[in-house]
Amino acid sequence: VQLQASGGGLVQAGASLRLSCAALGTIYANRPLAWYRQAPGKQRELVAHRYRSGIKDSTMYADSVKGRFTISRDYARNTVNLQMDNLKPEDTAVYYCNYQTSWGQGTLVTVSS
């Protein structure tokens, strides 16, 4: 599976950004499509993921982004988006799309204070 991410940029605190990721290849709805991020000098961390569980979707968010970020997934198009609102300087990081052992190329999000 190849993952192509886009949408990063430089914004001021309080602004919004939307990240998008397209998965090329066969993926399964009941496996998570996820966003991770890695800030300078820190370990990569899980930001959010989403997958189909029965007839509903299951989502997970890191505590630091709850209420500000929203992950959405289009199961027909094999895409996953991350809507990031009320961005903070501590959200500055390279954001990676992930599916199982596949990683996107990373997209840089920089939030200035």
N, C-alpha and C. Protein backbone atom coordinates (compact mmCIF):
# COMPACT_ATOMS: atom_id res chain seq x y z
N VAL A 1 0.84 -1.19 0.00
CA VAL A 1 0.00 0.00 0.00
C VAL A 1 0.88 1.24 0.00
N GLN A 2 0.56 2.16 -0.89
CA GLN A 2 1.26 3.45 -0.91
C GLN A 2 0.31 4.51 -0.36
N LEU A 3 0.88 5.40 0.44
CA LEU A 3 0.09 6.46 1.06
C LEU A 3 0.64 7.81 0.62
N GLN A 4 -0.24 8.66 0.13
CA GLN A 4 0.16 9.98 -0.36
C GLN A 4 -0.55 11.04 0.47
N ALA A 5 0.23 11.77 1.25
CA ALA A 5 -0.33 12.79 2.13
C ALA A 5 -0.08 14.18 1.58
N SER A 6 -0.97 15.08 1.95
CA SER A 6 -0.84 16.47 1.53
C SER A 6 -1.58 17.37 2.51
N GLY A 7 -1.31 18.68 2.41
CA GLY A 7 -2.10 19.63 3.16
C GLY A 7 -1.39 20.38 4.26
N GLY A 8 -0.13 20.11 4.50
CA GLY A 8 0.57 20.82 5.56
C GLY A 8 0.83 22.27 5.19
N GLY A 9 1.40 23.02 6.12
CA GLY A 9 1.72 24.40 5.86
C GLY A 9 2.06 25.16 7.11
N LEU A 10 2.23 26.45 6.93
CA LEU A 10 2.57 27.36 8.04
C LEU A 10 1.34 28.22 8.35
N VAL A 11 0.89 28.16 9.59
CA VAL A 11 -0.27 28.95 10.00
C VAL A 11 0.00 29.57 11.36
N GLN A 12 -0.84 30.52 11.71
CA GLN A 12 -0.76 31.13 13.03
C GLN A 12 -1.62 30.35 14.01
N ALA A 13 -1.30 30.49 15.27
CA ALA A 13 -2.09 29.84 16.31
C ALA A 13 -3.55 30.24 16.19
N GLY A 14 -4.42 29.25 16.36
CA GLY A 14 -5.86 29.49 16.24
C GLY A 14 -6.43 29.19 14.87
N ALA A 15 -5.55 29.02 13.90
CA ALA A 15 -5.99 28.75 12.52
C ALA A 15 -6.35 27.27 12.36
N SER A 16 -6.79 26.95 11.15
CA SER A 16 -7.16 25.58 10.81
C SER A 16 -6.37 25.09 9.60
N LEU A 17 -6.19 23.79 9.56
CA LEU A 17 -5.59 23.13 8.40
C LEU A 17 -6.28 21.80 8.21
N ARG A 18 -6.27 21.34 6.98
CA ARG A 18 -6.85 20.03 6.68
C ARG A 18 -5.81 19.19 5.96
N LEU A 19 -5.49 18.05 6.54
CA LEU A 19 -4.57 17.12 5.92
C LEU A 19 -5.37 16.03 5.20
N SER A 20 -4.84 15.60 4.08
CA SER A 20 -5.49 14.53 3.32
C SER A 20 -4.48 13.44 3.02
N CYS A 21 -4.98 12.22 2.92
CA CYS A 21 -4.12 11.08 2.59
C CYS A 21 -4.90 10.12 1.72
N ALA A 22 -4.30 9.73 0.63
CA ALA A 22 -4.91 8.75 -0.27
C ALA A 22 -4.10 7.46 -0.22
N ALA A 23 -4.80 6.35 -0.06
CA ALA A 23 -4.16 5.04 -0.03
C ALA A 23 -4.32 4.38 -1.38
N LEU A 24 -3.19 3.99 -1.95
CA LEU A 24 -3.18 3.31 -3.25
C LEU A 24 -2.89 1.84 -3.01
N GLY A 25 -3.84 1.00 -3.38
CA GLY A 25 -3.70 -0.42 -3.11
C GLY A 25 -4.89 -0.90 -2.31
N THR A 26 -4.84 -2.15 -1.91
CA THR A 26 -5.96 -2.74 -1.19
C THR A 26 -5.85 -2.48 0.30
N ILE A 27 -6.85 -1.83 0.84
CA ILE A 27 -6.92 -1.66 2.28
C ILE A 27 -8.28 -2.15 2.76
N TYR A 28 -8.37 -2.42 4.04
CA TYR A 28 -9.58 -2.99 4.60
C TYR A 28 -10.23 -2.00 5.56
N ALA A 29 -11.54 -1.92 5.45
CA ALA A 29 -12.27 -0.94 6.25
C ALA A 29 -12.13 -1.20 7.75
N ASN A 30 -11.93 -2.45 8.14
CA ASN A 30 -11.86 -2.77 9.56
C ASN A 30 -10.45 -2.67 10.13
N ARG A 31 -9.54 -2.10 9.34
CA ARG A 31 -8.20 -1.81 9.82
C ARG A 31 -8.02 -0.30 9.88
N PRO A 32 -7.36 0.20 10.91
CA PRO A 32 -7.26 1.65 11.05
C PRO A 32 -6.44 2.33 9.96
N LEU A 33 -6.94 3.45 9.51
CA LEU A 33 -6.14 4.44 8.82
C LEU A 33 -5.86 5.51 9.86
N ALA A 34 -4.62 5.89 9.98
CA ALA A 34 -4.23 6.72 11.11
C ALA A 34 -3.37 7.89 10.69
N TRP A 35 -3.34 8.88 11.56
CA TRP A 35 -2.40 9.99 11.47
C TRP A 35 -1.50 9.94 12.70
N TYR A 36 -0.21 10.03 12.45
CA TYR A 36 0.78 10.18 13.50
C TYR A 36 1.48 11.52 13.30
N ARG A 37 2.21 11.94 14.31
CA ARG A 37 3.03 13.13 14.14
C ARG A 37 4.32 12.97 14.93
N GLN A 38 5.32 13.68 14.47
CA GLN A 38 6.61 13.67 15.16
C GLN A 38 7.14 15.09 15.21
N ALA A 39 7.22 15.59 16.43
CA ALA A 39 7.77 16.93 16.64
C ALA A 39 9.28 16.83 16.78
N PRO A 40 9.98 17.93 16.54
CA PRO A 40 11.45 17.91 16.65
C PRO A 40 11.90 17.42 18.02
N GLY A 41 12.78 16.44 18.01
CA GLY A 41 13.33 15.91 19.26
C GLY A 41 12.42 15.01 20.04
N LYS A 42 11.27 14.67 19.46
CA LYS A 42 10.31 13.82 20.17
C LYS A 42 10.01 12.56 19.37
N GLN A 43 9.43 11.59 20.07
CA GLN A 43 9.05 10.36 19.39
C GLN A 43 7.77 10.56 18.59
N ARG A 44 7.61 9.71 17.60
CA ARG A 44 6.39 9.74 16.81
C ARG A 44 5.22 9.30 17.70
N GLU A 45 4.11 10.02 17.59
CA GLU A 45 2.95 9.69 18.40
C GLU A 45 1.70 9.57 17.55
N LEU A 46 0.78 8.72 18.01
CA LEU A 46 -0.49 8.55 17.33
C LEU A 46 -1.38 9.74 17.64
N VAL A 47 -1.92 10.35 16.58
CA VAL A 47 -2.81 11.49 16.74
C VAL A 47 -4.27 11.05 16.70
N ALA A 48 -4.60 10.25 15.70
CA ALA A 48 -5.99 9.80 15.55
C ALA A 48 -6.03 8.64 14.58
N HIS A 49 -7.04 7.80 14.74
CA HIS A 49 -7.29 6.78 13.73
C HIS A 49 -8.78 6.50 13.62
N ARG A 50 -9.13 5.84 12.53
CA ARG A 50 -10.54 5.55 12.28
C ARG A 50 -10.65 4.25 11.49
N TYR A 51 -11.65 3.42 11.84
CA TYR A 51 -11.88 2.18 11.11
C TYR A 51 -13.33 1.76 11.33
N ARG A 52 -13.78 0.87 10.50
CA ARG A 52 -15.16 0.36 10.57
C ARG A 52 -15.19 -0.79 11.58
N SER A 53 -16.08 -0.67 12.52
CA SER A 53 -16.28 -1.72 13.52
C SER A 53 -17.75 -2.10 13.51
N GLY A 54 -18.07 -3.21 12.88
CA GLY A 54 -19.47 -3.58 12.73
C GLY A 54 -20.14 -2.61 11.78
N ILE A 55 -21.22 -2.01 12.25
CA ILE A 55 -21.94 -1.05 11.42
C ILE A 55 -21.57 0.39 11.76
N LYS A 56 -20.68 0.54 12.70
CA LYS A 56 -20.27 1.89 13.11
C LYS A 56 -18.79 2.09 12.85
N ASP A 57 -18.37 3.33 12.96
CA ASP A 57 -16.95 3.66 12.89
C ASP A 57 -16.40 3.81 14.30
N SER A 58 -15.18 3.38 14.44
CA SER A 58 -14.48 3.57 15.70
C SER A 58 -13.39 4.59 15.47
N THR A 59 -13.33 5.57 16.35
CA THR A 59 -12.30 6.60 16.24
C THR A 59 -11.53 6.71 17.55
N MET A 60 -10.33 7.17 17.43
CA MET A 60 -9.48 7.39 18.60
C MET A 60 -8.73 8.68 18.40
N TYR A 61 -8.60 9.47 19.45
CA TYR A 61 -7.84 10.72 19.40
C TYR A 61 -6.88 10.79 20.59
N ALA A 62 -5.73 11.33 20.34
CA ALA A 62 -4.82 11.63 21.45
C ALA A 62 -5.46 12.70 22.32
N ASP A 63 -5.22 12.63 23.60
CA ASP A 63 -5.82 13.59 24.53
C ASP A 63 -5.51 15.03 24.13
N SER A 64 -4.33 15.25 23.61
CA SER A 64 -3.88 16.60 23.30
C SER A 64 -4.64 17.25 22.15
N VAL A 65 -5.36 16.44 21.36
CA VAL A 65 -6.06 16.99 20.20
C VAL A 65 -7.57 16.83 20.28
N LYS A 66 -8.05 16.17 21.32
CA LYS A 66 -9.49 15.96 21.46
C LYS A 66 -10.23 17.29 21.47
N GLY A 67 -11.30 17.36 20.70
CA GLY A 67 -12.10 18.57 20.63
C GLY A 67 -11.59 19.58 19.61
N ARG A 68 -10.40 19.36 19.08
CA ARG A 68 -9.84 20.28 18.09
C ARG A 68 -9.63 19.62 16.73
N PHE A 69 -9.31 18.34 16.73
CA PHE A 69 -9.04 17.62 15.49
C PHE A 69 -10.19 16.65 15.22
N THR A 70 -10.46 16.45 13.93
CA THR A 70 -11.49 15.49 13.52
C THR A 70 -10.95 14.64 12.37
N ILE A 71 -11.01 13.34 12.55
CA ILE A 71 -10.56 12.43 11.49
C ILE A 71 -11.79 11.91 10.75
N SER A 72 -11.71 11.93 9.44
CA SER A 72 -12.79 11.40 8.62
C SER A 72 -12.19 10.44 7.60
N ARG A 73 -13.02 9.54 7.13
CA ARG A 73 -12.52 8.52 6.21
C ARG A 73 -13.58 8.23 5.17
N ASP A 74 -13.14 8.18 3.93
CA ASP A 74 -14.01 7.82 2.82
C ASP A 74 -13.63 6.40 2.41
N TYR A 75 -14.48 5.44 2.74
CA TYR A 75 -14.15 4.04 2.51
C TYR A 75 -14.21 3.68 1.03
N ALA A 76 -14.97 4.40 0.26
CA ALA A 76 -15.05 4.12 -1.17
C ALA A 76 -13.82 4.65 -1.90
N ARG A 77 -13.31 5.79 -1.45
CA ARG A 77 -12.17 6.41 -2.13
C ARG A 77 -10.83 6.06 -1.47
N ASN A 78 -10.87 5.34 -0.37
CA ASN A 78 -9.63 4.99 0.36
C ASN A 78 -8.84 6.23 0.76
N THR A 79 -9.54 7.19 1.29
CA THR A 79 -8.88 8.40 1.76
C THR A 79 -9.19 8.64 3.23
N VAL A 80 -8.29 9.36 3.87
CA VAL A 80 -8.50 9.77 5.26
C VAL A 80 -8.05 11.21 5.39
N ASN A 81 -8.85 11.99 6.07
CA ASN A 81 -8.55 13.40 6.28
C ASN A 81 -8.42 13.71 7.76
N LEU A 82 -7.67 14.73 8.05
CA LEU A 82 -7.55 15.20 9.43
C LEU A 82 -7.82 16.70 9.43
N GLN A 83 -8.97 17.08 9.94
CA GLN A 83 -9.31 18.48 10.07
C GLN A 83 -8.76 18.97 11.41
N MET A 84 -7.90 19.96 11.35
CA MET A 84 -7.25 20.46 12.55
C MET A 84 -7.68 21.90 12.78
N ASP A 85 -8.39 22.13 13.85
CA ASP A 85 -8.90 23.46 14.20
C ASP A 85 -8.22 23.96 15.46
N ASN A 86 -8.26 25.27 15.64
CA ASN A 86 -7.67 25.89 16.81
C ASN A 86 -6.25 25.37 17.05
N LEU A 87 -5.44 25.44 16.02
CA LEU A 87 -4.08 24.92 16.11
C LEU A 87 -3.25 25.69 17.12
N LYS A 88 -2.36 24.96 17.77
CA LYS A 88 -1.47 25.54 18.78
C LYS A 88 -0.03 25.32 18.36
N PRO A 89 0.88 26.14 18.87
CA PRO A 89 2.30 25.95 18.51
C PRO A 89 2.79 24.53 18.81
N GLU A 90 2.27 23.91 19.85
CA GLU A 90 2.71 22.56 20.19
C GLU A 90 2.20 21.50 19.21
N ASP A 91 1.36 21.89 18.26
CA ASP A 91 0.94 20.98 17.20
C ASP A 91 1.97 20.93 16.06
N THR A 92 2.97 21.79 16.13
CA THR A 92 4.01 21.79 15.11
C THR A 92 4.72 20.45 15.06
N ALA A 93 4.72 19.84 13.88
CA ALA A 93 5.30 18.50 13.72
C ALA A 93 5.21 18.10 12.25
N VAL A 94 5.88 17.02 11.93
CA VAL A 94 5.65 16.35 10.65
C VAL A 94 4.55 15.33 10.89
N TYR A 95 3.52 15.39 10.08
CA TYR A 95 2.38 14.50 10.21
C TYR A 95 2.46 13.39 9.16
N TYR A 96 2.24 12.17 9.62
CA TYR A 96 2.35 11.00 8.76
C TYR A 96 1.03 10.24 8.72
N CYS A 97 0.68 9.83 7.53
CA CYS A 97 -0.46 8.93 7.34
C CYS A 97 0.06 7.50 7.50
N ASN A 98 -0.76 6.64 8.08
CA ASN A 98 -0.33 5.26 8.34
C ASN A 98 -1.45 4.27 8.10
N TYR A 99 -1.07 3.13 7.51
CA TYR A 99 -1.95 1.98 7.40
C TYR A 99 -1.10 0.74 7.61
N GLN A 100 -1.36 0.02 8.65
CA GLN A 100 -0.59 -1.18 9.01
C GLN A 100 0.90 -0.82 9.06
N THR A 101 1.70 -1.38 8.19
CA THR A 101 3.14 -1.10 8.19
C THR A 101 3.53 -0.08 7.15
N SER A 102 2.55 0.52 6.47
CA SER A 102 2.84 1.51 5.43
C SER A 102 2.74 2.92 5.98
N TRP A 103 3.66 3.76 5.53
CA TRP A 103 3.72 5.16 5.97
C TRP A 103 3.76 6.09 4.76
N GLY A 104 3.05 7.21 4.88
CA GLY A 104 3.17 8.25 3.89
C GLY A 104 4.48 9.00 4.07
N GLN A 105 4.70 9.96 3.20
CA GLN A 105 5.98 10.66 3.17
C GLN A 105 6.09 11.73 4.24
N GLY A 106 5.02 12.07 4.89
CA GLY A 106 5.05 13.11 5.92
C GLY A 106 4.78 14.48 5.32
N THR A 107 4.03 15.26 6.07
CA THR A 107 3.74 16.63 5.66
C THR A 107 3.93 17.53 6.87
N LEU A 108 4.65 18.63 6.66
CA LEU A 108 5.04 19.49 7.78
C LEU A 108 3.93 20.48 8.11
N VAL A 109 3.60 20.54 9.38
CA VAL A 109 2.66 21.54 9.90
C VAL A 109 3.43 22.40 10.89
N THR A 110 3.44 23.69 10.63
CA THR A 110 4.12 24.63 11.52
C THR A 110 3.11 25.66 12.00
N VAL A 111 3.00 25.78 13.32
CA VAL A 111 2.06 26.73 13.91
C VAL A 111 2.85 27.78 14.68
N SER A 112 2.73 29.01 14.24
CA SER A 112 3.45 30.10 14.90
C SER A 112 2.59 30.74 15.98
N SER A 113 3.24 31.25 17.00
CA SER A 113 2.50 31.86 18.11
C SER A 113 2.23 33.33 17.89
